[in-house]
Amino acid sequence: MTRPADPHAADPQLQPRIGPRLRAARKARGLTLEQLVALTGLDKSFLSRMERDLTSASVASLVNVCAALGIRPGTLFDPPTAHLIRAADAPPVNFGGHDVHEVLLSQGLGGELMVLRSTIDPGGYGGEELYTLDADVSFVTVLSGQLEVMVEDAHYFLGAGDSLTLSSRIPHNWRNPTRTATEVIWITSPHP
């Protein structure tokens, strides 16, 4: 015998996905899951399931986590909004490197994504040593010029139109090996 559907039950497809927003807020504050456990007193596996939308939290637990992250609980339920950045208004940023000029092309979305446009002068490079980022994925596409990307012991040579996706946690670096400027778009998720 099947039970009739509860007409008052919420459709899971219509429930807001707060897990990615919680994770982005935690990462934006530079906190590990273990540090959030220490701040909230909640179980690590519970917090991990919350961040993956695999469990529902009580109001008290949600308020506790939001307080530890310094956010208002209501912001977790705000619909995503669009953020327009005009080319002339893109804020310059400096994420390191030599002879590189970068602007931030993304805002909002709770830090789930960072998009940069970089103009790399001839001979410009990311630094003396390979580095990692506290993010999951990095993507680069070359708009003009050439870019050499080093990922551990491998070297990738990219020309205009070429793209490369890599784990941000693997040691990597980049350089412009040419005598002309190179323009690229970097996408990193989540925002480091």
N, C-alpha and C. Protein backbone atom coordinates (compact mmCIF):
# COMPACT_ATOMS: atom_id res chain seq x y z
N MET A 1 0.85 -1.18 0.00
CA MET A 1 0.00 0.00 0.00
C MET A 1 0.89 1.24 0.00
N THR A 2 0.70 2.09 -0.95
CA THR A 2 1.49 3.32 -1.03
C THR A 2 0.78 4.42 -0.28
N ARG A 3 1.57 5.29 0.29
CA ARG A 3 1.02 6.42 1.04
C ARG A 3 0.86 7.60 0.09
N PRO A 4 -0.19 8.35 0.25
CA PRO A 4 -0.35 9.54 -0.60
C PRO A 4 0.72 10.56 -0.26
N ALA A 5 1.11 11.31 -1.25
CA ALA A 5 2.13 12.35 -1.04
C ALA A 5 1.59 13.41 -0.10
N ASP A 6 2.45 13.90 0.76
CA ASP A 6 2.07 14.96 1.70
C ASP A 6 1.99 16.27 0.92
N PRO A 7 0.81 16.88 0.82
CA PRO A 7 0.69 18.12 0.04
C PRO A 7 1.43 19.29 0.67
N HIS A 8 1.83 19.16 1.94
CA HIS A 8 2.53 20.25 2.62
C HIS A 8 4.05 20.07 2.59
N ALA A 9 4.51 18.91 2.10
CA ALA A 9 5.96 18.67 2.05
C ALA A 9 6.58 19.52 0.95
N ALA A 10 7.73 20.05 1.23
CA ALA A 10 8.43 20.89 0.24
C ALA A 10 9.07 20.01 -0.82
N ASP A 11 9.00 20.45 -2.05
CA ASP A 11 9.66 19.76 -3.15
C ASP A 11 11.17 19.93 -2.99
N PRO A 12 11.93 18.79 -2.89
CA PRO A 12 13.38 18.93 -2.71
C PRO A 12 14.05 19.71 -3.84
N GLN A 13 13.47 19.69 -5.04
CA GLN A 13 14.06 20.43 -6.16
C GLN A 13 13.94 21.94 -5.95
N LEU A 14 12.97 22.36 -5.12
CA LEU A 14 12.76 23.78 -4.89
C LEU A 14 13.48 24.29 -3.65
N GLN A 15 14.09 23.39 -2.89
CA GLN A 15 14.81 23.80 -1.69
C GLN A 15 16.09 24.54 -2.09
N PRO A 16 16.41 25.63 -1.39
CA PRO A 16 17.64 26.35 -1.72
C PRO A 16 18.86 25.49 -1.40
N ARG A 17 19.85 25.58 -2.24
CA ARG A 17 21.11 24.86 -2.03
C ARG A 17 22.02 25.76 -1.21
N ILE A 18 22.02 25.55 0.10
CA ILE A 18 22.83 26.40 0.97
C ILE A 18 24.22 25.84 1.20
N GLY A 19 24.41 24.54 0.94
CA GLY A 19 25.71 23.91 1.19
C GLY A 19 26.87 24.61 0.50
N PRO A 20 26.78 24.83 -0.82
CA PRO A 20 27.89 25.51 -1.50
C PRO A 20 28.14 26.92 -0.97
N ARG A 21 27.08 27.59 -0.53
CA ARG A 21 27.26 28.93 0.04
C ARG A 21 27.97 28.86 1.39
N LEU A 22 27.63 27.85 2.19
CA LEU A 22 28.33 27.67 3.47
C LEU A 22 29.81 27.38 3.23
N ARG A 23 30.07 26.49 2.27
CA ARG A 23 31.46 26.13 1.97
C ARG A 23 32.24 27.34 1.46
N ALA A 24 31.61 28.11 0.58
CA ALA A 24 32.28 29.30 0.04
C ALA A 24 32.56 30.31 1.15
N ALA A 25 31.62 30.48 2.08
CA ALA A 25 31.83 31.41 3.19
C ALA A 25 32.97 30.94 4.08
N ARG A 26 33.02 29.63 4.32
CA ARG A 26 34.12 29.08 5.14
C ARG A 26 35.46 29.30 4.45
N LYS A 27 35.52 28.98 3.15
CA LYS A 27 36.78 29.14 2.40
C LYS A 27 37.18 30.61 2.32
N ALA A 28 36.19 31.50 2.14
CA ALA A 28 36.49 32.93 2.03
C ALA A 28 37.12 33.46 3.32
N ARG A 29 36.81 32.83 4.42
CA ARG A 29 37.40 33.24 5.70
C ARG A 29 38.67 32.46 6.02
N GLY A 30 39.09 31.60 5.09
CA GLY A 30 40.33 30.86 5.27
C GLY A 30 40.25 29.80 6.35
N LEU A 31 39.05 29.29 6.61
CA LEU A 31 38.88 28.28 7.65
C LEU A 31 38.86 26.88 7.06
N THR A 32 39.48 25.95 7.76
CA THR A 32 39.36 24.54 7.40
C THR A 32 38.11 23.99 8.07
N LEU A 33 37.69 22.82 7.63
CA LEU A 33 36.54 22.19 8.26
C LEU A 33 36.82 21.92 9.74
N GLU A 34 38.06 21.52 10.05
CA GLU A 34 38.45 21.26 11.44
C GLU A 34 38.34 22.53 12.30
N GLN A 35 38.72 23.66 11.73
CA GLN A 35 38.61 24.92 12.48
C GLN A 35 37.15 25.29 12.72
N LEU A 36 36.29 25.01 11.73
CA LEU A 36 34.87 25.28 11.91
C LEU A 36 34.29 24.36 12.98
N VAL A 37 34.75 23.12 13.04
CA VAL A 37 34.34 22.20 14.11
C VAL A 37 34.68 22.80 15.47
N ALA A 38 35.90 23.32 15.59
CA ALA A 38 36.33 23.91 16.87
C ALA A 38 35.49 25.14 17.24
N LEU A 39 35.09 25.91 16.24
CA LEU A 39 34.30 27.12 16.50
C LEU A 39 32.84 26.82 16.86
N THR A 40 32.31 25.73 16.29
CA THR A 40 30.88 25.45 16.46
C THR A 40 30.58 24.33 17.44
N GLY A 41 31.54 23.43 17.64
CA GLY A 41 31.28 22.27 18.48
C GLY A 41 30.47 21.20 17.77
N LEU A 42 30.26 21.36 16.47
CA LEU A 42 29.50 20.39 15.69
C LEU A 42 30.43 19.34 15.11
N ASP A 43 29.88 18.20 14.77
CA ASP A 43 30.64 17.07 14.24
C ASP A 43 31.15 17.38 12.83
N LYS A 44 32.39 16.98 12.55
CA LYS A 44 33.00 17.24 11.24
C LYS A 44 32.20 16.60 10.11
N SER A 45 31.76 15.36 10.30
CA SER A 45 31.01 14.70 9.22
C SER A 45 29.67 15.39 8.99
N PHE A 46 29.05 15.90 10.05
CA PHE A 46 27.80 16.64 9.91
C PHE A 46 28.03 17.92 9.10
N LEU A 47 29.09 18.67 9.44
CA LEU A 47 29.39 19.91 8.71
C LEU A 47 29.71 19.61 7.25
N SER A 48 30.44 18.53 7.00
CA SER A 48 30.77 18.15 5.63
C SER A 48 29.49 17.83 4.85
N ARG A 49 28.57 17.10 5.47
CA ARG A 49 27.30 16.79 4.79
C ARG A 49 26.48 18.05 4.56
N MET A 50 26.53 18.99 5.52
CA MET A 50 25.82 20.27 5.32
C MET A 50 26.36 20.99 4.09
N GLU A 51 27.68 21.03 3.96
CA GLU A 51 28.29 21.74 2.83
C GLU A 51 27.99 21.08 1.50
N ARG A 52 27.60 19.81 1.52
CA ARG A 52 27.27 19.10 0.29
C ARG A 52 25.76 18.93 0.11
N ASP A 53 24.98 19.62 0.95
CA ASP A 53 23.52 19.54 0.90
C ASP A 53 23.00 18.12 1.05
N LEU A 54 23.70 17.32 1.86
CA LEU A 54 23.28 15.94 2.08
C LEU A 54 22.50 15.76 3.38
N THR A 55 22.37 16.82 4.15
CA THR A 55 21.60 16.77 5.39
C THR A 55 21.00 18.13 5.65
N SER A 56 19.96 18.14 6.44
CA SER A 56 19.36 19.40 6.86
C SER A 56 19.81 19.70 8.28
N ALA A 57 20.01 20.95 8.55
CA ALA A 57 20.44 21.37 9.88
C ALA A 57 19.26 21.93 10.65
N SER A 58 19.32 21.80 11.96
CA SER A 58 18.33 22.48 12.79
C SER A 58 18.59 23.97 12.70
N VAL A 59 17.61 24.75 13.09
CA VAL A 59 17.79 26.20 13.09
C VAL A 59 18.95 26.58 13.99
N ALA A 60 19.03 25.94 15.16
CA ALA A 60 20.11 26.25 16.11
C ALA A 60 21.48 25.96 15.50
N SER A 61 21.61 24.82 14.82
CA SER A 61 22.90 24.47 14.20
C SER A 61 23.24 25.45 13.08
N LEU A 62 22.25 25.80 12.27
CA LEU A 62 22.49 26.73 11.17
C LEU A 62 22.91 28.11 11.69
N VAL A 63 22.23 28.58 12.73
CA VAL A 63 22.59 29.87 13.33
C VAL A 63 24.00 29.80 13.92
N ASN A 64 24.34 28.69 14.55
CA ASN A 64 25.67 28.48 15.13
C ASN A 64 26.75 28.57 14.04
N VAL A 65 26.54 27.86 12.93
CA VAL A 65 27.52 27.85 11.84
C VAL A 65 27.64 29.25 11.23
N CYS A 66 26.51 29.89 10.99
CA CYS A 66 26.54 31.24 10.40
C CYS A 66 27.27 32.22 11.31
N ALA A 67 27.05 32.12 12.62
CA ALA A 67 27.74 33.00 13.56
C ALA A 67 29.25 32.77 13.49
N ALA A 68 29.66 31.51 13.41
CA ALA A 68 31.09 31.20 13.32
C ALA A 68 31.69 31.73 12.03
N LEU A 69 30.88 31.78 10.96
CA LEU A 69 31.37 32.26 9.66
C LEU A 69 31.19 33.77 9.49
N GLY A 70 30.51 34.40 10.43
CA GLY A 70 30.31 35.84 10.35
C GLY A 70 29.33 36.26 9.27
N ILE A 71 28.33 35.41 9.00
CA ILE A 71 27.32 35.74 7.99
C ILE A 71 25.93 35.66 8.62
N ARG A 72 24.99 36.36 8.01
CA ARG A 72 23.60 36.29 8.45
C ARG A 72 22.95 35.06 7.81
N PRO A 73 22.19 34.26 8.57
CA PRO A 73 21.55 33.08 7.99
C PRO A 73 20.71 33.39 6.76
N GLY A 74 20.06 34.55 6.74
CA GLY A 74 19.21 34.90 5.60
C GLY A 74 19.95 34.99 4.28
N THR A 75 21.24 35.33 4.32
CA THR A 75 21.99 35.44 3.07
C THR A 75 22.13 34.11 2.36
N LEU A 76 22.00 33.01 3.10
CA LEU A 76 22.10 31.69 2.48
C LEU A 76 20.92 31.41 1.55
N PHE A 77 19.84 32.13 1.75
CA PHE A 77 18.63 31.88 0.97
C PHE A 77 18.38 32.95 -0.08
N ASP A 78 19.26 33.95 -0.15
CA ASP A 78 19.13 34.98 -1.17
C ASP A 78 19.33 34.36 -2.54
N PRO A 79 18.52 34.73 -3.52
CA PRO A 79 18.75 34.21 -4.86
C PRO A 79 20.04 34.79 -5.43
N PRO A 80 20.73 34.02 -6.27
CA PRO A 80 21.94 34.57 -6.90
C PRO A 80 21.57 35.79 -7.73
N THR A 81 22.44 36.74 -7.73
CA THR A 81 22.19 37.94 -8.52
C THR A 81 23.27 38.06 -9.58
N ALA A 82 22.99 38.84 -10.58
CA ALA A 82 23.95 39.08 -11.65
C ALA A 82 24.85 40.25 -11.26
N HIS A 83 26.09 40.19 -11.65
CA HIS A 83 27.05 41.26 -11.36
C HIS A 83 27.75 41.65 -12.66
N LEU A 84 27.46 42.84 -13.13
CA LEU A 84 28.08 43.36 -14.35
C LEU A 84 29.34 44.13 -13.98
N ILE A 85 30.42 43.82 -14.67
CA ILE A 85 31.66 44.59 -14.52
C ILE A 85 32.05 45.07 -15.91
N ARG A 86 32.00 46.36 -16.10
CA ARG A 86 32.42 46.95 -17.38
C ARG A 86 33.94 46.89 -17.47
N ALA A 87 34.45 46.74 -18.67
CA ALA A 87 35.90 46.63 -18.86
C ALA A 87 36.64 47.79 -18.21
N ALA A 88 36.11 48.99 -18.35
CA ALA A 88 36.79 50.17 -17.79
C ALA A 88 36.74 50.20 -16.26
N ASP A 89 35.81 49.44 -15.68
CA ASP A 89 35.63 49.46 -14.22
C ASP A 89 36.19 48.22 -13.53
N ALA A 90 36.77 47.29 -14.28
CA ALA A 90 37.31 46.07 -13.67
C ALA A 90 38.43 46.44 -12.70
N PRO A 91 38.29 46.04 -11.43
CA PRO A 91 39.30 46.44 -10.45
C PRO A 91 40.63 45.73 -10.67
N PRO A 92 41.73 46.47 -10.64
CA PRO A 92 43.04 45.83 -10.74
C PRO A 92 43.32 45.04 -9.46
N VAL A 93 43.97 43.91 -9.62
CA VAL A 93 44.36 43.07 -8.49
C VAL A 93 45.81 42.65 -8.67
N ASN A 94 46.41 42.21 -7.60
CA ASN A 94 47.79 41.73 -7.67
C ASN A 94 47.88 40.41 -6.92
N PHE A 95 47.94 39.32 -7.66
CA PHE A 95 48.07 38.01 -7.06
C PHE A 95 49.50 37.50 -7.13
N GLY A 96 50.43 38.41 -7.29
CA GLY A 96 51.83 38.02 -7.36
C GLY A 96 52.27 37.88 -8.80
N GLY A 97 53.47 37.43 -8.97
CA GLY A 97 54.02 37.31 -10.30
C GLY A 97 54.82 38.55 -10.67
N HIS A 98 55.52 38.45 -11.77
CA HIS A 98 56.39 39.53 -12.24
C HIS A 98 55.96 39.94 -13.64
N ASP A 99 55.86 41.25 -13.86
CA ASP A 99 55.50 41.80 -15.16
C ASP A 99 54.15 41.28 -15.65
N VAL A 100 53.18 41.31 -14.74
CA VAL A 100 51.82 40.90 -15.07
C VAL A 100 50.85 41.96 -14.54
N HIS A 101 49.84 42.26 -15.33
CA HIS A 101 48.81 43.24 -14.98
C HIS A 101 47.47 42.50 -15.01
N GLU A 102 46.78 42.47 -13.86
CA GLU A 102 45.56 41.67 -13.76
C GLU A 102 44.38 42.52 -13.31
N VAL A 103 43.19 42.15 -13.81
CA VAL A 103 41.95 42.76 -13.36
C VAL A 103 40.97 41.64 -13.01
N LEU A 104 40.16 41.91 -12.00
CA LEU A 104 39.15 40.95 -11.54
C LEU A 104 37.89 41.13 -12.37
N LEU A 105 37.43 40.04 -12.97
CA LEU A 105 36.25 40.09 -13.83
C LEU A 105 35.01 39.50 -13.17
N SER A 106 35.14 38.98 -11.96
CA SER A 106 33.99 38.34 -11.30
C SER A 106 33.76 38.93 -9.92
N GLN A 107 32.50 39.01 -9.55
CA GLN A 107 32.11 39.43 -8.21
C GLN A 107 30.86 38.68 -7.82
N GLY A 108 30.61 38.61 -6.52
CA GLY A 108 29.40 37.96 -6.03
C GLY A 108 29.52 36.46 -6.05
N LEU A 109 28.39 35.80 -6.01
CA LEU A 109 28.27 34.35 -6.01
C LEU A 109 28.98 33.70 -4.83
N GLY A 110 29.16 34.43 -3.77
CA GLY A 110 29.70 33.85 -2.55
C GLY A 110 31.10 33.31 -2.66
N GLY A 111 31.89 33.81 -3.59
CA GLY A 111 33.26 33.35 -3.70
C GLY A 111 33.41 32.01 -4.38
N GLU A 112 32.38 31.57 -5.09
CA GLU A 112 32.44 30.27 -5.75
C GLU A 112 33.36 30.26 -6.96
N LEU A 113 33.71 31.45 -7.45
CA LEU A 113 34.44 31.53 -8.70
C LEU A 113 35.26 32.81 -8.72
N MET A 114 36.47 32.73 -9.25
CA MET A 114 37.28 33.93 -9.47
C MET A 114 37.73 33.92 -10.93
N VAL A 115 37.47 35.02 -11.62
CA VAL A 115 37.88 35.15 -13.02
C VAL A 115 38.78 36.38 -13.12
N LEU A 116 39.97 36.17 -13.69
CA LEU A 116 40.94 37.25 -13.89
C LEU A 116 41.29 37.36 -15.36
N ARG A 117 41.50 38.59 -15.82
CA ARG A 117 42.11 38.81 -17.14
C ARG A 117 43.52 39.31 -16.86
N SER A 118 44.50 38.62 -17.41
CA SER A 118 45.90 38.96 -17.16
C SER A 118 46.59 39.32 -18.46
N THR A 119 47.31 40.42 -18.43
CA THR A 119 48.21 40.78 -19.52
C THR A 119 49.61 40.57 -18.99
N ILE A 120 50.32 39.65 -19.63
CA ILE A 120 51.65 39.27 -19.16
C ILE A 120 52.68 39.83 -20.13
N ASP A 121 53.52 40.71 -19.62
CA ASP A 121 54.56 41.31 -20.46
C ASP A 121 55.56 40.25 -20.92
N PRO A 122 56.33 40.54 -21.98
CA PRO A 122 57.35 39.59 -22.42
C PRO A 122 58.26 39.20 -21.26
N GLY A 123 58.45 37.90 -21.08
CA GLY A 123 59.29 37.40 -20.00
C GLY A 123 58.61 37.36 -18.65
N GLY A 124 57.36 37.83 -18.55
CA GLY A 124 56.64 37.82 -17.27
C GLY A 124 56.42 36.40 -16.79
N TYR A 125 56.36 36.23 -15.46
CA TYR A 125 56.22 34.88 -14.91
C TYR A 125 55.56 34.93 -13.53
N GLY A 126 55.14 33.76 -13.07
CA GLY A 126 54.40 33.67 -11.81
C GLY A 126 55.25 33.72 -10.57
N GLY A 127 56.52 33.46 -10.67
CA GLY A 127 57.40 33.46 -9.51
C GLY A 127 58.56 32.52 -9.72
N GLU A 128 59.45 32.50 -8.74
CA GLU A 128 60.66 31.68 -8.85
C GLU A 128 60.38 30.19 -8.68
N GLU A 129 59.32 29.85 -7.94
CA GLU A 129 59.05 28.45 -7.62
C GLU A 129 57.63 28.08 -8.00
N LEU A 130 57.39 26.77 -8.12
CA LEU A 130 56.04 26.29 -8.32
C LEU A 130 55.21 26.63 -7.08
N TYR A 131 53.92 26.84 -7.26
CA TYR A 131 53.05 27.19 -6.15
C TYR A 131 51.73 26.42 -6.26
N THR A 132 50.97 26.42 -5.18
CA THR A 132 49.63 25.84 -5.16
C THR A 132 48.65 26.91 -4.68
N LEU A 133 47.38 26.68 -4.95
CA LEU A 133 46.33 27.58 -4.48
C LEU A 133 45.36 26.80 -3.60
N ASP A 134 44.75 27.47 -2.66
CA ASP A 134 43.71 26.86 -1.83
C ASP A 134 42.39 26.94 -2.59
N ALA A 135 42.32 26.18 -3.67
CA ALA A 135 41.13 26.11 -4.52
C ALA A 135 41.14 24.73 -5.15
N ASP A 136 40.05 24.37 -5.78
CA ASP A 136 39.96 23.04 -6.38
C ASP A 136 40.49 22.99 -7.81
N VAL A 137 40.04 23.94 -8.63
CA VAL A 137 40.33 23.87 -10.06
C VAL A 137 40.80 25.22 -10.57
N SER A 138 41.80 25.18 -11.45
CA SER A 138 42.23 26.38 -12.18
C SER A 138 42.11 26.09 -13.67
N PHE A 139 41.69 27.10 -14.41
CA PHE A 139 41.52 27.01 -15.85
C PHE A 139 42.14 28.25 -16.45
N VAL A 140 42.89 28.09 -17.53
CA VAL A 140 43.45 29.24 -18.22
C VAL A 140 43.19 29.06 -19.71
N THR A 141 42.82 30.15 -20.37
CA THR A 141 42.71 30.15 -21.82
C THR A 141 43.47 31.36 -22.35
N VAL A 142 44.20 31.15 -23.42
CA VAL A 142 45.03 32.20 -24.00
C VAL A 142 44.21 32.95 -25.05
N LEU A 143 44.07 34.26 -24.84
CA LEU A 143 43.36 35.10 -25.80
C LEU A 143 44.28 35.54 -26.93
N SER A 144 45.52 35.90 -26.57
CA SER A 144 46.52 36.28 -27.57
C SER A 144 47.90 36.02 -27.00
N GLY A 145 48.84 35.76 -27.89
CA GLY A 145 50.21 35.48 -27.46
C GLY A 145 50.40 34.01 -27.11
N GLN A 146 51.40 33.75 -26.28
CA GLN A 146 51.73 32.38 -25.89
C GLN A 146 52.00 32.33 -24.40
N LEU A 147 51.71 31.17 -23.80
CA LEU A 147 51.92 30.97 -22.38
C LEU A 147 52.49 29.58 -22.15
N GLU A 148 53.53 29.51 -21.33
CA GLU A 148 54.05 28.22 -20.90
C GLU A 148 53.55 27.99 -19.48
N VAL A 149 52.93 26.84 -19.26
CA VAL A 149 52.43 26.47 -17.93
C VAL A 149 53.18 25.22 -17.48
N MET A 150 53.78 25.32 -16.30
CA MET A 150 54.49 24.19 -15.72
C MET A 150 53.60 23.58 -14.65
N VAL A 151 53.33 22.28 -14.77
CA VAL A 151 52.54 21.55 -13.78
C VAL A 151 53.40 20.38 -13.33
N GLU A 152 53.92 20.48 -12.11
CA GLU A 152 54.91 19.54 -11.59
C GLU A 152 56.06 19.48 -12.59
N ASP A 153 56.33 18.33 -13.20
CA ASP A 153 57.45 18.20 -14.13
C ASP A 153 57.05 18.41 -15.59
N ALA A 154 55.78 18.60 -15.86
CA ALA A 154 55.30 18.74 -17.24
C ALA A 154 55.28 20.22 -17.64
N HIS A 155 55.54 20.47 -18.92
CA HIS A 155 55.49 21.82 -19.49
C HIS A 155 54.47 21.83 -20.62
N TYR A 156 53.53 22.77 -20.55
CA TYR A 156 52.51 22.91 -21.57
C TYR A 156 52.70 24.26 -22.25
N PHE A 157 52.74 24.26 -23.58
CA PHE A 157 52.89 25.49 -24.35
C PHE A 157 51.56 25.79 -25.02
N LEU A 158 50.95 26.90 -24.64
CA LEU A 158 49.64 27.27 -25.13
C LEU A 158 49.73 28.48 -26.04
N GLY A 159 48.99 28.43 -27.14
CA GLY A 159 48.87 29.56 -28.04
C GLY A 159 47.46 30.10 -27.99
N ALA A 160 47.20 31.12 -28.78
CA ALA A 160 45.87 31.75 -28.81
C ALA A 160 44.79 30.70 -29.06
N GLY A 161 43.77 30.70 -28.21
CA GLY A 161 42.67 29.75 -28.33
C GLY A 161 42.86 28.47 -27.53
N ASP A 162 44.08 28.20 -27.06
CA ASP A 162 44.33 26.99 -26.28
C ASP A 162 43.91 27.20 -24.83
N SER A 163 43.52 26.10 -24.18
CA SER A 163 43.09 26.14 -22.78
C SER A 163 43.72 24.99 -22.01
N LEU A 164 43.85 25.17 -20.71
CA LEU A 164 44.39 24.14 -19.83
C LEU A 164 43.60 24.16 -18.53
N THR A 165 43.21 23.00 -18.05
CA THR A 165 42.53 22.85 -16.77
C THR A 165 43.41 21.99 -15.88
N LEU A 166 43.57 22.40 -14.61
CA LEU A 166 44.42 21.64 -13.69
C LEU A 166 43.91 21.77 -12.27
N SER A 167 44.34 20.86 -11.43
CA SER A 167 44.04 20.97 -10.01
C SER A 167 44.88 22.10 -9.44
N SER A 168 44.23 23.02 -8.75
CA SER A 168 44.94 24.17 -8.16
C SER A 168 45.88 23.74 -7.05
N ARG A 169 45.67 22.55 -6.53
CA ARG A 169 46.46 22.06 -5.39
C ARG A 169 47.75 21.37 -5.83
N ILE A 170 47.92 21.18 -7.13
CA ILE A 170 49.15 20.58 -7.66
C ILE A 170 50.14 21.71 -7.93
N PRO A 171 51.41 21.55 -7.56
CA PRO A 171 52.40 22.61 -7.80
C PRO A 171 52.45 22.98 -9.29
N HIS A 172 52.36 24.28 -9.55
CA HIS A 172 52.36 24.77 -10.93
C HIS A 172 52.91 26.19 -10.97
N ASN A 173 53.14 26.68 -12.18
CA ASN A 173 53.62 28.04 -12.41
C ASN A 173 53.39 28.35 -13.88
N TRP A 174 53.72 29.55 -14.30
CA TRP A 174 53.50 29.97 -15.68
C TRP A 174 54.50 31.05 -16.05
N ARG A 175 54.66 31.23 -17.37
CA ARG A 175 55.50 32.33 -17.86
C ARG A 175 55.16 32.63 -19.31
N ASN A 176 55.49 33.85 -19.71
CA ASN A 176 55.37 34.26 -21.10
C ASN A 176 56.76 34.13 -21.70
N PRO A 177 57.00 33.12 -22.55
CA PRO A 177 58.34 32.89 -23.08
C PRO A 177 58.66 33.71 -24.33
N THR A 178 57.79 34.64 -24.69
CA THR A 178 57.96 35.35 -25.97
C THR A 178 58.38 36.79 -25.76
N ARG A 179 58.54 37.49 -26.89
CA ARG A 179 58.91 38.91 -26.87
C ARG A 179 57.71 39.82 -27.08
N THR A 180 56.51 39.24 -27.01
CA THR A 180 55.29 40.04 -27.13
C THR A 180 54.38 39.74 -25.92
N ALA A 181 53.49 40.67 -25.64
CA ALA A 181 52.57 40.49 -24.51
C ALA A 181 51.62 39.33 -24.77
N THR A 182 51.21 38.69 -23.71
CA THR A 182 50.25 37.59 -23.76
C THR A 182 49.05 37.99 -22.92
N GLU A 183 47.85 37.73 -23.44
CA GLU A 183 46.64 38.00 -22.67
C GLU A 183 45.91 36.69 -22.43
N VAL A 184 45.54 36.46 -21.16
CA VAL A 184 44.88 35.21 -20.79
C VAL A 184 43.70 35.50 -19.85
N ILE A 185 42.82 34.53 -19.75
CA ILE A 185 41.75 34.53 -18.76
C ILE A 185 42.02 33.35 -17.82
N TRP A 186 42.05 33.63 -16.52
CA TRP A 186 42.19 32.60 -15.49
C TRP A 186 40.85 32.45 -14.79
N ILE A 187 40.42 31.22 -14.58
CA ILE A 187 39.22 30.95 -13.79
C ILE A 187 39.62 29.97 -12.69
N THR A 188 39.34 30.33 -11.46
CA THR A 188 39.67 29.49 -10.32
C THR A 188 38.42 29.29 -9.49
N SER A 189 38.20 28.04 -9.08
CA SER A 189 37.02 27.73 -8.27
C SER A 189 37.39 26.78 -7.15
N PRO A 190 36.92 27.06 -5.94
CA PRO A 190 36.33 28.32 -5.53
C PRO A 190 37.39 29.40 -5.43
N HIS A 191 36.94 30.62 -5.22
CA HIS A 191 37.87 31.75 -5.08
C HIS A 191 38.87 31.43 -3.97
N PRO A 192 40.18 31.48 -4.29
CA PRO A 192 41.17 31.15 -3.24
C PRO A 192 41.25 32.21 -2.15
